[in-house]
Protein backbone atom coordinates (compact mmCIF):
# COMPACT_ATOMS: atom_id res chain seq x y z
CA MET A 1 0.25 13.31 -12.08
CA LYS A 2 -0.84 15.98 -9.61
CA ARG A 3 1.06 15.99 -6.31
CA ILE A 4 -0.51 16.77 -2.96
CA THR A 5 0.95 17.26 0.50
CA LEU A 6 -0.48 15.46 3.50
CA LYS A 7 0.74 15.94 7.06
CA LEU A 8 0.55 12.85 9.27
CA SER A 9 1.96 11.94 12.64
CA MET A 10 4.35 8.98 12.72
CA GLU A 11 1.68 6.86 14.43
CA GLU A 12 -0.83 7.73 11.69
CA LEU A 13 1.68 6.86 8.97
CA LYS A 14 2.49 3.54 10.64
CA LEU A 15 -1.20 2.67 10.82
CA LEU A 16 -1.84 3.76 7.23
CA THR A 17 1.14 1.71 6.02
CA ALA A 18 -0.09 -1.41 7.82
CA LEU A 19 -3.63 -1.00 6.50
CA ALA A 20 -2.41 -0.44 2.94
CA ALA A 21 -0.14 -3.50 3.11
CA ASP A 22 -3.03 -5.63 4.39
CA GLN A 23 -5.29 -4.37 1.61
CA LEU A 24 -2.65 -5.14 -1.03
CA PHE A 25 -2.30 -8.67 0.32
CA HIS A 26 -6.07 -9.05 0.09
CA LYS A 27 -6.16 -7.70 -3.49
CA GLU A 28 -3.29 -9.94 -4.60
CA PHE A 29 -4.15 -13.26 -2.92
CA ILE A 30 -7.77 -13.26 -1.71
CA ASP A 31 -9.74 -11.28 -4.31
CA PRO A 32 -8.59 -13.35 -7.33
CA ARG A 33 -10.40 -16.35 -5.83
CA MET A 34 -13.73 -14.50 -5.94
CA PRO A 35 -15.96 -15.18 -8.93
CA GLY A 36 -15.90 -12.41 -11.52
CA HIS A 37 -12.86 -10.67 -10.06
CA GLN A 38 -11.00 -8.37 -12.47
CA SER A 39 -7.36 -7.85 -11.46
CA ASP A 40 -5.55 -4.59 -12.21
CA ARG A 41 -1.83 -5.43 -12.23
CA SER A 42 -0.74 -1.79 -12.62
CA GLU A 43 -2.73 -0.83 -9.50
CA LEU A 44 -1.03 -3.59 -7.49
CA THR A 45 2.40 -2.52 -8.72
CA LEU A 46 1.74 1.12 -7.85
CA GLY A 47 0.38 0.12 -4.44
CA LYS A 48 3.40 -2.01 -3.62
CA ALA A 49 5.74 0.83 -4.56
CA LEU A 50 3.77 3.26 -2.40
CA VAL A 51 3.76 0.93 0.61
CA GLY A 52 7.51 0.47 0.15
CA ARG A 53 8.06 4.22 0.19
CA MET A 54 5.90 4.62 3.30
CA ARG A 55 7.82 1.83 5.06
CA LEU A 56 11.10 3.62 4.29
CA ILE A 57 9.76 6.75 5.95
CA VAL A 58 8.50 4.85 9.00
CA ASP A 59 11.67 2.76 9.44
CA PRO A 60 14.64 3.77 7.26
CA ASP A 61 16.82 1.01 8.78
CA ALA A 62 14.42 -1.76 7.72
CA VAL A 63 15.84 -1.93 4.20
């Protein structure tokens, strides 16, 4: 996996974390109810791990 570096302000990271968490919720609970939806469990798992890492950066005491 290729790694990249991205510089964000804390406010940008907070917003990105919230948006990603909302999208994951949508993919996990809303999308499966749509006809013809194909779920990708590995994508959800990776997304949840990523959101968890971002939340640790935003608020290390939240764990």
